[in-house]
Amino acid sequence: MASVKSNLVRQSLRLGLSVLITCAIAQHFERITYLWYPLMAVIFVVDDQDENTFRAARGRILGTITGGLVTFIVHTILSGWIGILVSLLISIPLLRRLGWSSGLSTAAVITIMFLGIPGYSLLNWGYVFNRSVDTLIGIVVALIMGRLLWPKNRLARLAELNELQKQILHQRLALHQQALAKGGSVPAVNAEPVTRNLLEMERLVAVETSLEPHRHSRLERQRWRQRVLLWSTLQPRWLLVERLLERLYRHHDHAMPELSQQLDHHQAQGWSRLHLGGTDHSQTPLRIALEEEVTRLRWLLRSQERIEAAVT
């Protein structure tokens, strides 16, 4: 919740400063006749994600140019709402055909605003050019503020979340080792931050994958897809071991050093005999399931260590 509030504050400050600077530019140079064009560009372009900001800027520019040109041509033939309808019927298929679907909304707004002005019949190339320049000013301000204020570094965030997940996992394993070696129990794991971190990692990888191909090299070089996929497999196994250990603590309060040693992922993985001496027969299935899941967890941890060693 604190992270969400922090993002909202940052986004609000970024948008507010962008609007303030745009208004200051308009006031200083006194060439922007209709202030809502650059302000609307700022609102459309500024986004919480840097890559979405650039996409919105591109869509805004393409939509403005296409909407302005189509409207300028149509207004010489038709007028009123019929002119707006015909302009939209031309602009929307044209933008989709050219692969500029991100500019559909801006093209529609430009069409309505151009044909909705008083004396629209006076619309000329100068008006279209001036409004395009006004829009470009808002786009430039929004892009600059997006780059200066809290720029996103998703790969660094991925590395931070990866280290945090490993730290939580190894701390939990160390606590269980100590409890099983000396007797006692460990408080139940809080799965909420672990799951939230994993979902954030998956989102960051999805965002990086959706960007231009030239930005995939670092993602592939550091094998983030494989590492996040391994976490997606490892986390359910880890939480299952946690739940099985919770059940075990409720029925056993004495030390189990052989099970404690199996949780040490630094030891060499190998086959060992399952010791069930002194175990209640009703708890035998639990011990067998626990031994099996611990073995699978350790194999996954070994795979994770190999990937980490390959990218460092």
Protein backbone atom coordinates (compact mmCIF):
# COMPACT_ATOMS: atom_id res chain seq x y z
CA MET A 1 0.00 0.00 0.00
CA ALA A 2 2.85 2.39 0.81
CA SER A 3 4.42 1.65 -2.59
CA VAL A 4 1.15 2.42 -4.34
CA LYS A 5 0.77 5.72 -2.50
CA SER A 6 4.36 6.62 -3.32
CA ASN A 7 3.76 5.97 -7.02
CA LEU A 8 0.60 8.08 -6.94
CA VAL A 9 2.44 10.97 -5.34
CA ARG A 10 5.25 10.76 -7.88
CA GLN A 11 2.83 10.56 -10.78
CA SER A 12 0.85 13.53 -9.46
CA LEU A 13 4.01 15.61 -9.04
CA ARG A 14 5.23 14.67 -12.51
CA LEU A 15 1.91 15.61 -14.10
CA GLY A 16 1.51 18.79 -12.05
CA LEU A 17 5.02 20.06 -12.85
CA SER A 18 4.55 19.23 -16.55
CA VAL A 19 1.33 21.26 -16.65
CA LEU A 20 2.96 24.13 -14.73
CA ILE A 21 5.96 24.30 -17.07
CA THR A 22 3.72 24.12 -20.14
CA CYS A 23 1.62 27.02 -18.85
CA ALA A 24 4.78 28.99 -18.07
CA ILE A 25 6.08 28.46 -21.60
CA ALA A 26 2.77 29.54 -23.09
CA GLN A 27 2.69 32.64 -20.88
CA HIS A 28 6.29 33.60 -21.63
CA PHE A 29 6.37 33.21 -25.41
CA GLU A 30 2.77 34.27 -26.04
CA ARG A 31 2.47 32.24 -29.22
CA ILE A 32 0.10 29.52 -27.97
CA THR A 33 -3.39 30.77 -28.75
CA TYR A 34 -5.27 27.72 -27.47
CA LEU A 35 -3.64 26.45 -24.29
CA TRP A 36 -5.74 23.31 -24.08
CA TYR A 37 -3.83 21.70 -26.98
CA PRO A 38 -0.45 21.42 -25.17
CA LEU A 39 -2.16 20.73 -21.84
CA MET A 40 -4.18 17.92 -23.36
CA ALA A 41 -0.97 16.55 -24.87
CA VAL A 42 0.67 16.59 -21.43
CA ILE A 43 -2.25 14.74 -19.83
CA PHE A 44 -2.35 12.13 -22.61
CA VAL A 45 1.41 11.59 -22.73
CA VAL A 46 2.47 11.58 -19.07
CA ASP A 47 2.25 8.04 -17.77
CA ASP A 48 3.53 6.11 -14.78
CA GLN A 49 5.62 3.90 -17.08
CA ASP A 50 8.42 5.41 -19.16
CA GLU A 51 7.81 3.13 -22.13
CA ASN A 52 4.11 4.03 -22.12
CA THR A 53 5.04 7.70 -22.11
CA PHE A 54 7.04 7.33 -25.32
CA ARG A 55 4.28 5.29 -26.92
CA ALA A 56 1.71 7.88 -25.94
CA ALA A 57 3.92 10.62 -27.38
CA ARG A 58 4.26 8.80 -30.68
CA GLY A 59 0.53 8.13 -30.80
CA ARG A 60 -0.18 11.74 -29.92
CA ILE A 61 2.01 13.07 -32.73
CA LEU A 62 0.69 10.65 -35.34
CA GLY A 63 -2.89 11.18 -34.26
CA THR A 64 -2.50 14.96 -34.36
CA ILE A 65 -0.95 14.96 -37.83
CA THR A 66 -3.43 12.49 -39.29
CA GLY A 67 -6.47 14.09 -37.68
CA GLY A 68 -5.38 17.57 -38.73
CA LEU A 69 -4.69 16.65 -42.35
CA VAL A 70 -7.88 14.62 -42.80
CA THR A 71 -10.00 17.29 -41.14
CA PHE A 72 -8.43 20.05 -43.24
CA ILE A 73 -9.29 18.19 -46.43
CA VAL A 74 -12.80 17.17 -45.35
CA HIS A 75 -13.82 20.63 -44.13
CA THR A 76 -13.51 21.99 -47.68
CA ILE A 77 -16.30 19.61 -48.74
CA LEU A 78 -18.52 18.96 -45.71
CA SER A 79 -19.41 20.85 -42.55
CA GLY A 80 -20.95 20.28 -39.13
CA TRP A 81 -21.41 16.85 -37.59
CA ILE A 82 -21.47 15.24 -41.03
CA GLY A 83 -17.95 16.53 -41.58
CA ILE A 84 -16.84 15.18 -38.20
CA LEU A 85 -18.38 11.78 -38.99
CA VAL A 86 -16.72 11.53 -42.39
CA SER A 87 -13.36 12.65 -40.95
CA LEU A 88 -13.53 9.93 -38.30
CA LEU A 89 -14.56 7.31 -40.85
CA ILE A 90 -11.43 8.18 -42.80
CA SER A 91 -8.99 8.70 -39.92
CA ILE A 92 -9.74 5.56 -37.90
CA PRO A 93 -9.24 2.98 -40.72
CA LEU A 94 -6.23 4.93 -41.97
CA LEU A 95 -4.49 4.87 -38.58
CA ARG A 96 -5.24 1.19 -38.13
CA ARG A 97 -3.99 0.42 -41.60
CA LEU A 98 -0.73 2.22 -40.91
CA GLY A 99 -0.35 0.49 -37.54
CA TRP A 100 -0.84 3.69 -35.54
CA SER A 101 -3.78 2.54 -33.41
CA SER A 102 -2.34 4.35 -30.38
CA GLY A 103 -3.23 7.64 -32.08
CA LEU A 104 -6.93 6.89 -32.56
CA SER A 105 -8.15 8.79 -29.51
CA THR A 106 -6.07 11.87 -30.24
CA ALA A 107 -7.12 11.90 -33.89
CA ALA A 108 -10.78 11.81 -32.83
CA VAL A 109 -10.28 14.65 -30.34
CA ILE A 110 -8.42 16.77 -32.88
CA THR A 111 -11.17 16.22 -35.46
CA ILE A 112 -13.93 17.32 -33.09
CA MET A 113 -11.95 20.30 -31.83
CA PHE A 114 -10.96 21.48 -35.32
CA LEU A 115 -14.47 21.27 -36.78
CA GLY A 116 -16.03 22.55 -33.56
CA ILE A 117 -14.20 25.88 -33.53
CA PRO A 118 -16.10 29.07 -34.43
CA GLY A 119 -15.70 29.84 -38.10
CA TYR A 120 -14.32 26.41 -38.94
CA SER A 121 -14.52 27.31 -42.59
CA LEU A 122 -11.49 29.53 -42.00
CA LEU A 123 -9.41 26.44 -41.07
CA ASN A 124 -6.19 26.57 -43.09
CA TRP A 125 -2.70 25.13 -43.18
CA GLY A 126 -1.46 27.79 -40.78
CA TYR A 127 -4.00 26.77 -38.17
CA VAL A 128 -3.12 23.08 -38.54
CA PHE A 129 0.61 23.85 -38.31
CA ASN A 130 0.26 26.10 -35.26
CA ARG A 131 -1.90 23.61 -33.38
CA SER A 132 0.57 20.82 -34.21
CA VAL A 133 3.41 22.95 -32.81
CA ASP A 134 1.36 23.66 -29.68
CA THR A 135 0.77 19.95 -29.23
CA LEU A 136 4.46 19.20 -29.80
CA ILE A 137 5.41 21.61 -27.01
CA GLY A 138 3.24 19.68 -24.54
CA ILE A 139 4.71 16.38 -25.73
CA VAL A 140 8.31 17.58 -25.33
CA VAL A 141 7.64 18.90 -21.82
CA ALA A 142 5.98 15.63 -20.79
CA LEU A 143 8.87 13.53 -22.15
CA ILE A 144 11.54 15.66 -20.47
CA MET A 145 9.78 15.55 -17.10
CA GLY A 146 9.33 11.80 -17.45
CA ARG A 147 13.06 11.37 -18.01
CA LEU A 148 14.14 13.75 -15.23
CA LEU A 149 11.71 12.82 -12.44
CA TRP A 150 12.06 9.28 -11.11
CA PRO A 151 13.08 7.47 -14.32
CA LYS A 152 12.39 3.75 -14.24
CA ASN A 153 15.21 1.19 -14.15
CA ARG A 154 13.36 -2.10 -14.39
CA LEU A 155 16.44 -4.34 -14.58
CA ALA A 156 17.84 -2.84 -11.38
CA ARG A 157 14.44 -3.34 -9.74
CA LEU A 158 14.43 -6.97 -10.91
CA ALA A 159 17.84 -7.55 -9.35
CA GLU A 160 16.66 -5.93 -6.11
CA LEU A 161 13.53 -8.10 -5.92
CA ASN A 162 15.52 -11.21 -6.78
CA GLU A 163 17.95 -10.59 -3.92
CA LEU A 164 15.06 -9.83 -1.56
CA GLN A 165 13.35 -13.11 -2.42
CA LYS A 166 16.55 -15.09 -1.89
CA GLN A 167 17.16 -13.34 1.42
CA ILE A 168 13.68 -14.20 2.71
CA LEU A 169 13.99 -17.80 1.52
CA HIS A 170 17.40 -18.41 3.07
CA GLN A 171 16.36 -16.77 6.35
CA ARG A 172 13.36 -19.07 6.56
CA LEU A 173 15.45 -22.13 5.83
CA ALA A 174 17.98 -21.11 8.49
CA LEU A 175 15.20 -20.69 11.07
CA HIS A 176 13.78 -24.12 10.26
CA GLN A 177 17.23 -25.69 10.46
CA GLN A 178 17.77 -24.26 13.92
CA ALA A 179 14.31 -25.29 15.14
CA LEU A 180 14.65 -28.85 13.83
CA ALA A 181 18.17 -29.22 15.21
CA LYS A 182 17.35 -28.02 18.75
CA GLY A 183 13.63 -28.62 18.98
CA GLY A 184 10.90 -26.02 18.91
CA SER A 185 8.94 -24.32 16.14
CA VAL A 186 9.06 -21.41 13.73
CA PRO A 187 6.29 -18.79 13.22
CA ALA A 188 4.21 -19.26 10.10
CA VAL A 189 5.53 -17.64 6.95
CA ASN A 190 3.89 -14.49 5.61
CA ALA A 191 3.22 -15.38 1.98
CA GLU A 192 1.85 -11.95 1.02
CA PRO A 193 5.18 -10.08 0.46
CA VAL A 194 6.72 -13.12 -1.23
CA THR A 195 3.83 -13.39 -3.67
CA ARG A 196 3.76 -9.64 -4.25
CA ASN A 197 7.47 -9.60 -5.09
CA LEU A 198 7.06 -12.47 -7.55
CA LEU A 199 4.12 -10.77 -9.28
CA GLU A 200 6.14 -7.56 -9.53
CA MET A 201 9.05 -9.46 -11.11
CA GLU A 202 6.72 -11.08 -13.64
CA ARG A 203 5.22 -7.68 -14.49
CA LEU A 204 8.65 -6.11 -15.01
CA VAL A 205 9.74 -8.92 -17.31
CA ALA A 206 6.49 -8.63 -19.28
CA VAL A 207 7.01 -4.87 -19.67
CA GLU A 208 10.59 -5.30 -20.86
CA THR A 209 9.52 -8.02 -23.29
CA SER A 210 6.86 -5.75 -24.81
CA LEU A 211 9.40 -3.06 -25.67
CA GLU A 212 11.40 -2.68 -28.86
CA PRO A 213 13.64 -5.65 -29.83
CA HIS A 214 16.87 -3.71 -29.28
CA ARG A 215 16.01 -3.46 -25.56
CA HIS A 216 15.74 -7.23 -25.14
CA SER A 217 19.50 -7.86 -25.20
CA ARG A 218 20.14 -7.04 -21.53
CA LEU A 219 17.05 -8.98 -20.49
CA GLU A 220 18.24 -12.04 -22.41
CA ARG A 221 21.86 -11.63 -21.37
CA GLN A 222 20.92 -11.69 -17.69
CA ARG A 223 18.42 -14.51 -18.28
CA TRP A 224 15.61 -12.79 -16.43
CA ARG A 225 12.91 -14.83 -18.15
CA GLN A 226 14.45 -18.09 -16.97
CA ARG A 227 15.13 -16.72 -13.49
CA VAL A 228 11.58 -15.46 -13.00
CA LEU A 229 10.16 -18.69 -14.42
CA LEU A 230 12.28 -20.63 -11.94
CA TRP A 231 10.96 -18.45 -9.11
CA SER A 232 7.42 -19.19 -10.29
CA THR A 233 8.18 -22.90 -9.91
CA LEU A 234 10.22 -22.59 -6.73
CA GLN A 235 7.86 -20.42 -4.70
CA PRO A 236 4.88 -22.87 -4.57
CA ARG A 237 7.29 -25.64 -3.59
CA TRP A 238 8.81 -23.43 -0.90
CA LEU A 239 5.40 -22.50 0.56
CA LEU A 240 4.32 -26.15 0.48
CA VAL A 241 7.39 -27.08 2.54
CA GLU A 242 6.49 -24.28 4.96
CA ARG A 243 2.96 -25.65 5.41
CA LEU A 244 4.22 -29.20 5.92
CA LEU A 245 6.72 -28.01 8.51
CA GLU A 246 3.94 -26.14 10.34
CA ARG A 247 1.98 -29.39 10.60
CA LEU A 248 5.10 -31.19 11.75
CA TYR A 249 5.76 -28.67 14.53
CA ARG A 250 2.24 -29.16 15.87
CA HIS A 251 2.88 -32.89 16.45
CA HIS A 252 6.62 -32.97 17.22
CA ASP A 253 8.51 -30.80 19.69
CA HIS A 254 11.72 -32.83 19.83
CA ALA A 255 14.85 -32.33 17.72
CA MET A 256 15.13 -33.93 14.26
CA PRO A 257 18.76 -33.32 13.23
CA GLU A 258 18.56 -35.50 10.10
CA LEU A 259 15.75 -33.35 8.70
CA SER A 260 17.62 -30.20 9.71
CA GLN A 261 20.62 -31.31 7.66
CA GLN A 262 18.43 -31.88 4.61
CA LEU A 263 17.33 -28.24 4.71
CA ASP A 264 20.95 -27.12 4.38
CA HIS A 265 21.13 -26.32 0.67
CA HIS A 266 24.91 -25.87 0.86
CA GLN A 267 25.42 -29.60 1.41
CA ALA A 268 25.83 -31.86 -1.59
CA GLN A 269 22.56 -33.22 -2.88
CA GLY A 270 22.35 -37.00 -2.81
CA TRP A 271 20.26 -40.00 -1.86
CA SER A 272 19.93 -40.88 1.81
CA ARG A 273 17.84 -43.31 3.80
CA LEU A 274 14.65 -41.91 5.33
CA HIS A 275 14.80 -42.26 9.11
CA LEU A 276 11.38 -42.73 10.69
CA GLY A 277 12.49 -44.06 14.05
CA GLY A 278 10.47 -42.59 16.89
CA THR A 279 7.91 -41.19 14.50
CA ASP A 280 4.25 -41.72 15.20
CA HIS A 281 2.76 -44.04 12.57
CA SER A 282 -0.03 -41.53 11.94
CA GLN A 283 2.60 -38.96 10.98
CA THR A 284 4.55 -41.20 8.64
CA PRO A 285 2.79 -39.88 5.46
CA LEU A 286 3.61 -36.34 6.59
CA ARG A 287 7.30 -37.15 7.00
CA ILE A 288 7.44 -38.88 3.63
CA ALA A 289 5.74 -35.95 1.89
CA LEU A 290 8.02 -33.50 3.66
CA GLU A 291 11.16 -35.39 2.68
CA GLU A 292 10.01 -35.51 -0.93
CA GLU A 293 9.15 -31.82 -1.12
CA VAL A 294 12.40 -30.80 0.58
CA THR A 295 14.32 -32.82 -2.00
CA ARG A 296 12.49 -31.10 -4.87
CA LEU A 297 13.04 -27.70 -3.27
CA ARG A 298 16.76 -28.34 -2.99
CA TRP A 299 16.99 -29.35 -6.64
CA LEU A 300 15.29 -26.10 -7.60
CA LEU A 301 17.67 -24.15 -5.37
CA ARG A 302 20.59 -25.87 -7.07
CA SER A 303 19.22 -24.86 -10.48
CA GLN A 304 18.85 -21.30 -9.25
CA GLU A 305 22.44 -21.22 -8.06
CA ARG A 306 23.64 -22.40 -11.46
CA ILE A 307 21.71 -19.69 -13.29
CA GLU A 308 22.97 -17.04 -10.88
CA ALA A 309 26.54 -18.24 -11.41
CA ALA A 310 26.11 -18.16 -15.19
CA VAL A 311 25.03 -14.52 -15.32
CA THR A 312 27.56 -13.13 -12.83
